[in-house]
């Protein structure tokens, strides 16, 4: 992802958006193209910021399986001290790595 300074034309167009937003009526096709560019940049910046804050580190937990004959296996566990700003929320999907499986 690259970030660059907008052109002077972009600045004029954005200033119009901050005002009475008249360009959409005067030049609808160009306004839609410019809005697409601005919205795409905003969405990309938001996604990049969220990914930057996402906790992708490995956390070791111990899981004890009581009944090995139950399939599919469902594991519920809780990681402590995980903040939602780091991307952790209830029902987040995680990858599970099983060391030394004897019965799988």
PDB file of N, CA and C in Angstrom:
ATOM      1  N   UNK A   1       0.847  -1.169   0.000  1.00  0.00           N
ATOM      2  CA  UNK A   1       0.000   0.000   0.000  1.00  0.00           C
ATOM      3  C   UNK A   1       0.889   1.227   0.000  1.00  0.00           C
ATOM      4  N   UNK A   2       0.584   2.159  -0.866  1.00  0.00           N
ATOM      5  CA  UNK A   2       1.336   3.406  -0.908  1.00  0.00           C
ATOM      6  C   UNK A   2       0.414   4.562  -0.556  1.00  0.00           C
ATOM      7  N   UNK A   3       0.985   5.556   0.045  1.00  0.00           N
ATOM      8  CA  UNK A   3       0.248   6.766   0.404  1.00  0.00           C
ATOM      9  C   UNK A   3       0.944   7.935  -0.261  1.00  0.00           C
ATOM     10  N   UNK A   4       0.174   8.765  -0.913  1.00  0.00           N
ATOM     11  CA  UNK A   4       0.764   9.927  -1.578  1.00  0.00           C
ATOM     12  C   UNK A   4      -0.118  11.146  -1.357  1.00  0.00           C
ATOM     13  N   UNK A   5       0.475  12.300  -1.526  1.00  0.00           N
ATOM     14  CA  UNK A   5      -0.260  13.552  -1.381  1.00  0.00           C
ATOM     15  C   UNK A   5      -1.179  13.711  -2.588  1.00  0.00           C
ATOM     16  N   UNK A   6      -2.388  14.185  -2.338  1.00  0.00           N
ATOM     17  CA  UNK A   6      -3.345  14.394  -3.417  1.00  0.00           C
ATOM     18  C   UNK A   6      -2.944  15.570  -4.297  1.00  0.00           C
ATOM     19  N   UNK A   7      -3.557  15.625  -5.462  1.00  0.00           N
ATOM     20  CA  UNK A   7      -3.289  16.715  -6.402  1.00  0.00           C
ATOM     21  C   UNK A   7      -4.041  17.969  -5.962  1.00  0.00           C
ATOM     22  N   UNK A   8      -3.670  19.135  -6.496  1.00  0.00           N
ATOM     23  CA  UNK A   8      -4.437  20.353  -6.184  1.00  0.00           C
ATOM     24  C   UNK A   8      -5.912  20.216  -6.583  1.00  0.00           C
ATOM     25  N   UNK A   9      -6.187  19.490  -7.672  1.00  0.00           N
ATOM     26  CA  UNK A   9      -7.579  19.277  -8.077  1.00  0.00           C
ATOM     27  C   UNK A   9      -8.332  18.461  -7.022  1.00  0.00           C
ATOM     28  N   UNK A  10      -7.645  17.487  -6.429  1.00  0.00           N
ATOM     29  CA  UNK A  10      -8.272  16.702  -5.363  1.00  0.00           C
ATOM     30  C   UNK A  10      -8.609  17.586  -4.169  1.00  0.00           C
ATOM     31  N   UNK A  11      -7.712  18.517  -3.836  1.00  0.00           N
ATOM     32  CA  UNK A  11      -7.953  19.419  -2.710  1.00  0.00           C
ATOM     33  C   UNK A  11      -9.168  20.305  -2.972  1.00  0.00           C
ATOM     34  N   UNK A  12      -9.296  20.817  -4.193  1.00  0.00           N
ATOM     35  CA  UNK A  12     -10.458  21.645  -4.543  1.00  0.00           C
ATOM     36  C   UNK A  12     -11.732  20.813  -4.431  1.00  0.00           C
ATOM     37  N   UNK A  13     -11.684  19.599  -4.951  1.00  0.00           N
ATOM     38  CA  UNK A  13     -12.859  18.732  -4.915  1.00  0.00           C
ATOM     39  C   UNK A  13     -13.253  18.404  -3.475  1.00  0.00           C
ATOM     40  N   UNK A  14     -12.266  18.081  -2.629  1.00  0.00           N
ATOM     41  CA  UNK A  14     -12.561  17.756  -1.234  1.00  0.00           C
ATOM     42  C   UNK A  14     -13.099  18.965  -0.482  1.00  0.00           C
ATOM     43  N   UNK A  15     -12.588  20.157  -0.783  1.00  0.00           N
ATOM     44  CA  UNK A  15     -13.113  21.367  -0.143  1.00  0.00           C
ATOM     45  C   UNK A  15     -14.575  21.575  -0.510  1.00  0.00           C
ATOM     46  N   UNK A  16     -14.950  21.238  -1.746  1.00  0.00           N
ATOM     47  CA  UNK A  16     -16.356  21.325  -2.134  1.00  0.00           C
ATOM     48  C   UNK A  16     -17.203  20.343  -1.326  1.00  0.00           C
ATOM     49  N   UNK A  17     -16.661  19.170  -1.023  1.00  0.00           N
ATOM     50  CA  UNK A  17     -17.402  18.185  -0.224  1.00  0.00           C
ATOM     51  C   UNK A  17     -17.641  18.716   1.184  1.00  0.00           C
ATOM     52  N   UNK A  18     -16.697  19.482   1.685  1.00  0.00           N
ATOM     53  CA  UNK A  18     -16.843  20.034   3.028  1.00  0.00           C
ATOM     54  C   UNK A  18     -17.849  21.173   3.057  1.00  0.00           C
ATOM     55  N   UNK A  19     -18.125  21.746   1.902  1.00  0.00           N
ATOM     56  CA  UNK A  19     -19.077  22.857   1.821  1.00  0.00           C
ATOM     57  C   UNK A  19     -20.466  22.372   1.461  1.00  0.00           C
ATOM     58  N   UNK A  20     -21.048  22.989   0.454  1.00  0.00           N
ATOM     59  CA  UNK A  20     -22.434  22.679   0.077  1.00  0.00           C
ATOM     60  C   UNK A  20     -22.547  21.489  -0.872  1.00  0.00           C
ATOM     61  N   UNK A  21     -21.440  20.910  -1.285  1.00  0.00           N
ATOM     62  CA  UNK A  21     -21.411  19.694  -2.108  1.00  0.00           C
ATOM     63  C   UNK A  21     -22.190  19.877  -3.404  1.00  0.00           C
ATOM     64  N   UNK A  22     -21.745  20.842  -4.212  1.00  0.00           N
ATOM     65  CA  UNK A  22     -22.445  21.183  -5.445  1.00  0.00           C
ATOM     66  C   UNK A  22     -21.949  20.408  -6.659  1.00  0.00           C
ATOM     67  N   UNK A  23     -20.759  19.867  -6.628  1.00  0.00           N
ATOM     68  CA  UNK A  23     -20.196  19.223  -7.814  1.00  0.00           C
ATOM     69  C   UNK A  23     -20.948  17.976  -8.249  1.00  0.00           C
ATOM     70  N   UNK A  24     -21.632  17.308  -7.344  1.00  0.00           N
ATOM     71  CA  UNK A  24     -22.328  16.082  -7.746  1.00  0.00           C
ATOM     72  C   UNK A  24     -23.457  16.393  -8.725  1.00  0.00           C
ATOM     73  N   UNK A  25     -24.065  17.554  -8.595  1.00  0.00           N
ATOM     74  CA  UNK A  25     -25.129  17.939  -9.530  1.00  0.00           C
ATOM     75  C   UNK A  25     -24.548  18.467 -10.840  1.00  0.00           C
ATOM     76  N   UNK A  26     -23.402  19.144 -10.758  1.00  0.00           N
ATOM     77  CA  UNK A  26     -22.798  19.733 -11.954  1.00  0.00           C
ATOM     78  C   UNK A  26     -22.091  18.704 -12.818  1.00  0.00           C
ATOM     79  N   UNK A  27     -21.397  17.756 -12.188  1.00  0.00           N
ATOM     80  CA  UNK A  27     -20.617  16.765 -12.937  1.00  0.00           C
ATOM     81  C   UNK A  27     -20.736  15.424 -12.218  1.00  0.00           C
ATOM     82  N   UNK A  28     -21.858  14.788 -12.397  1.00  0.00           N
ATOM     83  CA  UNK A  28     -22.170  13.572 -11.655  1.00  0.00           C
ATOM     84  C   UNK A  28     -21.167  12.461 -11.911  1.00  0.00           C
ATOM     85  N   UNK A  29     -20.784  12.235 -13.146  1.00  0.00           N
ATOM     86  CA  UNK A  29     -19.867  11.138 -13.483  1.00  0.00           C
ATOM     87  C   UNK A  29     -18.510  11.332 -12.799  1.00  0.00           C
ATOM     88  N   UNK A  30     -17.938  12.534 -12.890  1.00  0.00           N
ATOM     89  CA  UNK A  30     -16.650  12.815 -12.253  1.00  0.00           C
ATOM     90  C   UNK A  30     -16.777  12.746 -10.732  1.00  0.00           C
ATOM     91  N   UNK A  31     -17.894  13.226 -10.195  1.00  0.00           N
ATOM     92  CA  UNK A  31     -18.088  13.186  -8.746  1.00  0.00           C
ATOM     93  C   UNK A  31     -18.120  11.746  -8.245  1.00  0.00           C
ATOM     94  N   UNK A  32     -18.786  10.864  -8.981  1.00  0.00           N
ATOM     95  CA  UNK A  32     -18.839   9.459  -8.568  1.00  0.00           C
ATOM     96  C   UNK A  32     -17.463   8.805  -8.617  1.00  0.00           C
ATOM     97  N   UNK A  33     -16.669   9.147  -9.626  1.00  0.00           N
ATOM     98  CA  UNK A  33     -15.304   8.611  -9.720  1.00  0.00           C
ATOM     99  C   UNK A  33     -14.470   9.103  -8.547  1.00  0.00           C
ATOM    100  N   UNK A  34     -14.563  10.399  -8.258  1.00  0.00           N
ATOM    101  CA  UNK A  34     -13.779  10.961  -7.151  1.00  0.00           C
ATOM    102  C   UNK A  34     -14.236  10.390  -5.810  1.00  0.00           C
ATOM    103  N   UNK A  35     -15.553  10.239  -5.618  1.00  0.00           N
ATOM    104  CA  UNK A  35     -16.043   9.661  -4.367  1.00  0.00           C
ATOM    105  C   UNK A  35     -15.543   8.230  -4.217  1.00  0.00           C
ATOM    106  N   UNK A  36     -15.515   7.485  -5.309  1.00  0.00           N
ATOM    107  CA  UNK A  36     -14.974   6.129  -5.256  1.00  0.00           C
ATOM    108  C   UNK A  36     -13.522   6.114  -4.829  1.00  0.00           C
ATOM    109  N   UNK A  37     -12.732   7.049  -5.353  1.00  0.00           N
ATOM    110  CA  UNK A  37     -11.314   7.125  -4.968  1.00  0.00           C
ATOM    111  C   UNK A  37     -11.162   7.470  -3.497  1.00  0.00           C
ATOM    112  N   UNK A  38     -11.938   8.465  -3.030  1.00  0.00           N
ATOM    113  CA  UNK A  38     -11.836   8.891  -1.632  1.00  0.00           C
ATOM    114  C   UNK A  38     -12.314   7.781  -0.701  1.00  0.00           C
ATOM    115  N   UNK A  39     -13.442   7.157  -1.020  1.00  0.00           N
ATOM    116  CA  UNK A  39     -13.963   6.095  -0.161  1.00  0.00           C
ATOM    117  C   UNK A  39     -13.034   4.885  -0.156  1.00  0.00           C
ATOM    118  N   UNK A  40     -12.427   4.576  -1.295  1.00  0.00           N
ATOM    119  CA  UNK A  40     -11.476   3.472  -1.368  1.00  0.00           C
ATOM    120  C   UNK A  40     -10.259   3.761  -0.498  1.00  0.00           C
ATOM    121  N   UNK A  41      -9.768   4.996  -0.558  1.00  0.00           N
ATOM    122  CA  UNK A  41      -8.614   5.364   0.277  1.00  0.00           C
ATOM    123  C   UNK A  41      -8.971   5.292   1.754  1.00  0.00           C
ATOM    124  N   UNK A  42     -10.166   5.754   2.113  1.00  0.00           N
ATOM    125  CA  UNK A  42     -10.582   5.713   3.515  1.00  0.00           C
ATOM    126  C   UNK A  42     -10.740   4.275   3.999  1.00  0.00           C
ATOM    127  N   UNK A  43     -11.342   3.423   3.181  1.00  0.00           N
ATOM    128  CA  UNK A  43     -11.517   2.022   3.570  1.00  0.00           C
ATOM    129  C   UNK A  43     -10.171   1.311   3.681  1.00  0.00           C
ATOM    130  N   UNK A  44      -9.257   1.606   2.767  1.00  0.00           N
ATOM    131  CA  UNK A  44      -7.923   0.991   2.814  1.00  0.00           C
ATOM    132  C   UNK A  44      -7.169   1.433   4.052  1.00  0.00           C
ATOM    133  N   UNK A  45      -7.271   2.718   4.391  1.00  0.00           N
ATOM    134  CA  UNK A  45      -6.592   3.222   5.588  1.00  0.00           C
ATOM    135  C   UNK A  45      -7.175   2.581   6.838  1.00  0.00           C
ATOM    136  N   UNK A  46      -8.491   2.433   6.878  1.00  0.00           N
ATOM    137  CA  UNK A  46      -9.134   1.806   8.030  1.00  0.00           C
ATOM    138  C   UNK A  46      -8.711   0.346   8.176  1.00  0.00           C
ATOM    139  N   UNK A  47      -8.675  -0.383   7.069  1.00  0.00           N
ATOM    140  CA  UNK A  47      -8.266  -1.789   7.116  1.00  0.00           C
ATOM    141  C   UNK A  47      -6.802  -1.922   7.514  1.00  0.00           C
ATOM    142  N   UNK A  48      -5.947  -1.038   6.999  1.00  0.00           N
ATOM    143  CA  UNK A  48      -4.526  -1.088   7.345  1.00  0.00           C
ATOM    144  C   UNK A  48      -4.322  -0.796   8.824  1.00  0.00           C
ATOM    145  N   UNK A  49      -5.065   0.160   9.361  1.00  0.00           N
ATOM    146  CA  UNK A  49      -4.942   0.491  10.779  1.00  0.00           C
ATOM    147  C   UNK A  49      -5.410  -0.683  11.634  1.00  0.00           C
ATOM    148  N   UNK A  50      -6.522  -1.295  11.249  1.00  0.00           N
ATOM    149  CA  UNK A  50      -7.031  -2.427  12.015  1.00  0.00           C
ATOM    150  C   UNK A  50      -6.053  -3.596  11.985  1.00  0.00           C
ATOM    151  N   UNK A  51      -5.448  -3.863  10.832  1.00  0.00           N
ATOM    152  CA  UNK A  51      -4.483  -4.949  10.720  1.00  0.00           C
ATOM    153  C   UNK A  51      -3.228  -4.648  11.535  1.00  0.00           C
ATOM    154  N   UNK A  52      -2.826  -3.379  11.578  1.00  0.00           N
ATOM    155  CA  UNK A  52      -1.646  -2.990  12.347  1.00  0.00           C
ATOM    156  C   UNK A  52      -1.849  -3.268  13.826  1.00  0.00           C
ATOM    157  N   UNK A  53      -3.066  -3.069  14.307  1.00  0.00           N
ATOM    158  CA  UNK A  53      -3.363  -3.255  15.722  1.00  0.00           C
ATOM    159  C   UNK A  53      -3.711  -4.704  16.066  1.00  0.00           C
ATOM    160  N   UNK A  54      -3.863  -5.564  15.067  1.00  0.00           N
ATOM    161  CA  UNK A  54      -4.302  -6.937  15.307  1.00  0.00           C
ATOM    162  C   UNK A  54      -3.188  -7.750  15.955  1.00  0.00           C
ATOM    163  N   UNK A  55      -3.548  -8.483  16.984  1.00  0.00           N
ATOM    164  CA  UNK A  55      -2.592  -9.323  17.707  1.00  0.00           C
ATOM    165  C   UNK A  55      -2.468 -10.656  16.979  1.00  0.00           C
ATOM    166  N   UNK A  56      -1.357 -10.867  16.304  1.00  0.00           N
ATOM    167  CA  UNK A  56      -1.140 -12.104  15.560  1.00  0.00           C
ATOM    168  C   UNK A  56      -0.091 -12.991  16.221  1.00  0.00           C
ATOM    169  N   UNK A  57       0.191 -12.737  17.486  1.00  0.00           N
ATOM    170  CA  UNK A  57       1.198 -13.526  18.175  1.00  0.00           C
ATOM    171  C   UNK A  57       0.616 -14.870  18.608  1.00  0.00           C
ATOM    172  N   UNK A  58       1.487 -15.804  18.879  1.00  0.00           N
ATOM    173  CA  UNK A  58       1.084 -17.139  19.314  1.00  0.00           C
ATOM    174  C   UNK A  58       0.917 -17.123  20.828  1.00  0.00           C
ATOM    175  N   UNK A  59      -0.196 -17.657  21.303  1.00  0.00           N
ATOM    176  CA  UNK A  59      -0.459 -17.763  22.736  1.00  0.00           C
ATOM    177  C   UNK A  59      -0.598 -19.240  23.073  1.00  0.00           C
ATOM    178  N   UNK A  60       0.205 -19.708  24.003  1.00  0.00           N
ATOM    179  CA  UNK A  60       0.180 -21.124  24.377  1.00  0.00           C
ATOM    180  C   UNK A  60      -0.893 -21.349  25.443  1.00  0.00           C
ATOM    181  N   UNK A  61      -1.746 -22.315  25.186  1.00  0.00           N
ATOM    182  CA  UNK A  61      -2.754 -22.743  26.156  1.00  0.00           C
ATOM    183  C   UNK A  61      -2.704 -24.263  26.233  1.00  0.00           C
ATOM    184  N   UNK A  62      -3.200 -24.800  27.324  1.00  0.00           N
ATOM    185  CA  UNK A  62      -3.265 -26.248  27.494  1.00  0.00           C
ATOM    186  C   UNK A  62      -4.724 -26.670  27.447  1.00  0.00           C
ATOM    187  N   UNK A  63      -5.006 -27.676  26.653  1.00  0.00           N
ATOM    188  CA  UNK A  63      -6.368 -28.165  26.483  1.00  0.00           C
ATOM    189  C   UNK A  63      -6.401 -29.628  26.893  1.00  0.00           C
ATOM    190  N   UNK A  64      -7.290 -29.973  27.784  1.00  0.00           N
ATOM    191  CA  UNK A  64      -7.475 -31.363  28.203  1.00  0.00           C
ATOM    192  C   UNK A  64      -8.763 -31.876  27.574  1.00  0.00           C
ATOM    193  N   UNK A  65      -8.677 -32.953  26.825  1.00  0.00           N
ATOM    194  CA  UNK A  65      -9.837 -33.536  26.165  1.00  0.00           C
ATOM    195  C   UNK A  65     -10.352 -34.675  27.034  1.00  0.00           C
ATOM    196  N   UNK A  66     -11.591 -34.539  27.501  1.00  0.00           N
ATOM    197  CA  UNK A  66     -12.147 -35.550  28.400  1.00  0.00           C
ATOM    198  C   UNK A  66     -12.687 -36.761  27.649  1.00  0.00           C
ATOM    199  N   UNK A  67     -13.351 -36.547  26.533  1.00  0.00           N
ATOM    200  CA  UNK A  67     -13.954 -37.644  25.772  1.00  0.00           C
ATOM    201  C   UNK A  67     -13.375 -37.639  24.367  1.00  0.00           C
ATOM    202  N   UNK A  68     -12.504 -38.582  24.074  1.00  0.00           N
ATOM    203  CA  UNK A  68     -11.832 -38.621  22.779  1.00  0.00           C
ATOM    204  C   UNK A  68     -12.725 -39.161  21.672  1.00  0.00           C
ATOM    205  N   UNK A  69     -13.867 -39.745  22.023  1.00  0.00           N
ATOM    206  CA  UNK A  69     -14.721 -40.365  21.018  1.00  0.00           C
ATOM    207  C   UNK A  69     -15.781 -39.411  20.477  1.00  0.00           C
ATOM    208  N   UNK A  70     -15.818 -38.198  20.957  1.00  0.00           N
ATOM    209  CA  UNK A  70     -16.791 -37.207  20.485  1.00  0.00           C
ATOM    210  C   UNK A  70     -16.228 -36.478  19.268  1.00  0.00           C
ATOM    211  N   UNK A  71     -16.981 -36.498  18.188  1.00  0.00           N
ATOM    212  CA  UNK A  71     -16.565 -35.794  16.972  1.00  0.00           C
ATOM    213  C   UNK A  71     -17.735 -34.976  16.461  1.00  0.00           C
ATOM    214  N   UNK A  72     -17.610 -33.825  15.938  1.00  0.00           N
ATOM    215  CA  UNK A  72     -16.353 -33.081  15.848  1.00  0.00           C
ATOM    216  C   UNK A  72     -15.948 -32.535  17.207  1.00  0.00           C
ATOM    217  N   UNK A  73     -14.695 -32.308  17.354  1.00  0.00           N
ATOM    218  CA  UNK A  73     -14.141 -31.806  18.600  1.00  0.00           C
ATOM    219  C   UNK A  73     -14.352 -30.300  18.679  1.00  0.00           C
ATOM    220  N   UNK A  74     -14.892 -29.834  19.777  1.00  0.00           N
ATOM    221  CA  UNK A  74     -15.078 -28.398  19.974  1.00  0.00           C
ATOM    222  C   UNK A  74     -14.289 -27.984  21.199  1.00  0.00           C
ATOM    223  N   UNK A  75     -13.458 -26.977  21.048  1.00  0.00           N
ATOM    224  CA  UNK A  75     -12.628 -26.493  22.150  1.00  0.00           C
ATOM    225  C   UNK A  75     -13.033 -25.065  22.485  1.00  0.00           C
ATOM    226  N   UNK A  76     -13.418 -24.842  23.715  1.00  0.00           N
ATOM    227  CA  UNK A  76     -13.695 -23.493  24.210  1.00  0.00           C
ATOM    228  C   UNK A  76     -12.606 -23.136  25.199  1.00  0.00           C
ATOM    229  N   UNK A  77     -11.987 -22.008  25.006  1.00  0.00           N
ATOM    230  CA  UNK A  77     -10.976 -21.568  25.957  1.00  0.00           C
ATOM    231  C   UNK A  77     -10.988 -20.057  26.015  1.00  0.00           C
ATOM    232  N   UNK A  78     -10.420 -19.528  27.057  1.00  0.00           N
ATOM    233  CA  UNK A  78     -10.413 -18.089  27.276  1.00  0.00           C
ATOM    234  C   UNK A  78      -8.969 -17.618  27.416  1.00  0.00           C
ATOM    235  N   UNK A  79      -8.630 -16.609  26.645  1.00  0.00           N
ATOM    236  CA  UNK A  79      -7.322 -15.981  26.774  1.00  0.00           C
ATOM    237  C   UNK A  79      -7.490 -14.740  27.634  1.00  0.00           C
ATOM    238  N   UNK A  80      -6.720 -14.634  28.686  1.00  0.00           N
ATOM    239  CA  UNK A  80      -6.854 -13.474  29.569  1.00  0.00           C
ATOM    240  C   UNK A  80      -5.984 -12.324  29.071  1.00  0.00           C
ATOM    241  N   UNK A  81      -6.360 -11.141  29.452  1.00  0.00           N
ATOM    242  CA  UNK A  81      -5.636  -9.904  29.118  1.00  0.00           C
ATOM    243  C   UNK A  81      -5.542  -9.664  27.613  1.00  0.00           C
ATOM    244  N   UNK A  82      -6.578 -10.013  26.876  1.00  0.00           N
ATOM    245  CA  UNK A  82      -6.629  -9.756  25.436  1.00  0.00           C
ATOM    246  C   UNK A  82      -7.629  -8.635  25.204  1.00  0.00           C
ATOM    247  N   UNK A  83      -7.172  -7.532  24.670  1.00  0.00           N
ATOM    248  CA  UNK A  83      -8.045  -6.380  24.493  1.00  0.00           C
ATOM    249  C   UNK A  83      -8.725  -6.420  23.134  1.00  0.00           C
ATOM    250  N   UNK A  84      -9.882  -5.791  23.056  1.00  0.00           N
ATOM    251  CA  UNK A  84     -10.594  -5.732  21.782  1.00  0.00           C
ATOM    252  C   UNK A  84      -9.865  -4.833  20.790  1.00  0.00           C
ATOM    253  N   UNK A  85      -9.075  -3.872  21.276  1.00  0.00           N
ATOM    254  CA  UNK A  85      -8.316  -3.026  20.357  1.00  0.00           C
ATOM    255  C   UNK A  85      -7.210  -3.803  19.668  1.00  0.00           C
ATOM    256  N   UNK A  86      -6.829  -4.941  20.221  1.00  0.00           N
ATOM    257  CA  UNK A  86      -5.818  -5.781  19.583  1.00  0.00           C
ATOM    258  C   UNK A  86      -6.453  -6.795  18.646  1.00  0.00           C
ATOM    259  N   UNK A  87      -7.743  -6.642  18.387  1.00  0.00           N
ATOM    260  CA  UNK A  87      -8.412  -7.530  17.454  1.00  0.00           C
ATOM    261  C   UNK A  87      -9.136  -8.694  18.102  1.00  0.00           C
ATOM    262  N   UNK A  88      -9.035  -8.823  19.413  1.00  0.00           N
ATOM    263  CA  UNK A  88      -9.674  -9.954  20.078  1.00  0.00           C
ATOM    264  C   UNK A  88     -11.092  -9.589  20.453  1.00  0.00           C
ATOM    265  N   UNK A  89     -12.021 -10.438  20.079  1.00  0.00           N
ATOM    266  CA  UNK A  89     -13.419 -10.253  20.430  1.00  0.00           C
ATOM    267  C   UNK A  89     -14.036 -11.633  20.620  1.00  0.00           C
ATOM    268  N   UNK A  90     -15.214 -11.640  21.196  1.00  0.00           N
ATOM    269  CA  UNK A  90     -15.897 -12.906  21.439  1.00  0.00           C
ATOM    270  C   UNK A  90     -16.191 -13.593  20.112  1.00  0.00           C
ATOM    271  N   UNK A  91     -15.989 -14.875  20.055  1.00  0.00           N
ATOM    272  CA  UNK A  91     -16.231 -15.731  18.885  1.00  0.00           C
ATOM    273  C   UNK A  91     -15.252 -15.481  17.741  1.00  0.00           C
ATOM    274  N   UNK A  92     -14.078 -14.932  18.026  1.00  0.00           N
ATOM    275  CA  UNK A  92     -13.080 -14.763  16.976  1.00  0.00           C
ATOM    276  C   UNK A  92     -12.539 -16.137  16.603  1.00  0.00           C
ATOM    277  N   UNK A  93     -12.387 -16.372  15.322  1.00  0.00           N
ATOM    278  CA  UNK A  93     -11.819 -17.638  14.874  1.00  0.00           C
ATOM    279  C   UNK A  93     -10.316 -17.634  15.109  1.00  0.00           C
ATOM    280  N   UNK A  94      -9.799 -18.753  15.551  1.00  0.00           N
ATOM    281  CA  UNK A  94      -8.366 -18.879  15.801  1.00  0.00           C
ATOM    282  C   UNK A  94      -7.864 -20.151  15.135  1.00  0.00           C
ATOM    283  N   UNK A  95      -6.578 -20.185  14.907  1.00  0.00           N
ATOM    284  CA  UNK A  95      -5.948 -21.403  14.414  1.00  0.00           C
ATOM    285  C   UNK A  95      -5.506 -22.244  15.591  1.00  0.00           C
ATOM    286  N   UNK A  96      -5.635 -23.542  15.466  1.00  0.00           N
ATOM    287  CA  UNK A  96      -5.284 -24.449  16.552  1.00  0.00           C
ATOM    288  C   UNK A  96      -4.171 -25.367  16.082  1.00  0.00           C
ATOM    289  N   UNK A  97      -3.107 -25.423  16.843  1.00  0.00           N
ATOM    290  CA  UNK A  97      -1.960 -26.257  16.519  1.00  0.00           C
ATOM    291  C   UNK A  97      -1.850 -27.300  17.621  1.00  0.00           C
ATOM    292  N   UNK A  98      -1.894 -28.572  17.256  1.00  0.00           N
ATOM    293  CA  UNK A  98      -1.875 -29.655  18.236  1.00  0.00           C
ATOM    294  C   UNK A  98      -0.499 -30.300  18.224  1.00  0.00           C
ATOM    295  N   UNK A  99       0.174 -30.241  19.371  1.00  0.00           N
ATOM    296  CA  UNK A  99       1.482 -30.877  19.525  1.00  0.00           C
ATOM    297  C   UNK A  99       1.311 -32.318  19.990  1.00  0.00           C
ATOM    298  N   UNK A 100       2.099 -33.199  19.435  1.00  0.00           N
ATOM    299  CA  UNK A 100       2.143 -34.608  19.844  1.00  0.00           C
ATOM    300  C   UNK A 100       0.764 -35.259  19.935  1.00  0.00           C
ATOM    301  N   UNK A 101       0.002 -35.245  18.876  1.00  0.00           N
ATOM    302  CA  UNK A 101      -1.314 -35.893  18.950  1.00  0.00           C
ATOM    303  C   UNK A 101      -1.146 -37.413  18.965  1.00  0.00           C
ATOM    304  N   UNK A 102      -1.763 -38.062  19.924  1.00  0.00           N
ATOM    305  CA  UNK A 102      -1.654 -39.513  20.034  1.00  0.00           C
ATOM    306  C   UNK A 102      -2.850 -40.226  19.420  1.00  0.00           C
ATOM    307  N   UNK A 103      -4.006 -39.578  19.398  1.00  0.00           N
ATOM    308  CA  UNK A 103      -5.225 -40.258  18.976  1.00  0.00           C
ATOM    309  C   UNK A 103      -5.863 -39.653  17.734  1.00  0.00           C
ATOM    310  N   UNK A 104      -5.252 -38.671  17.126  1.00  0.00           N
ATOM    311  CA  UNK A 104      -5.865 -38.026  15.956  1.00  0.00           C
ATOM    312  C   UNK A 104      -5.292 -38.586  14.681  1.00  0.00           C
TER     313      UNK A 104
END
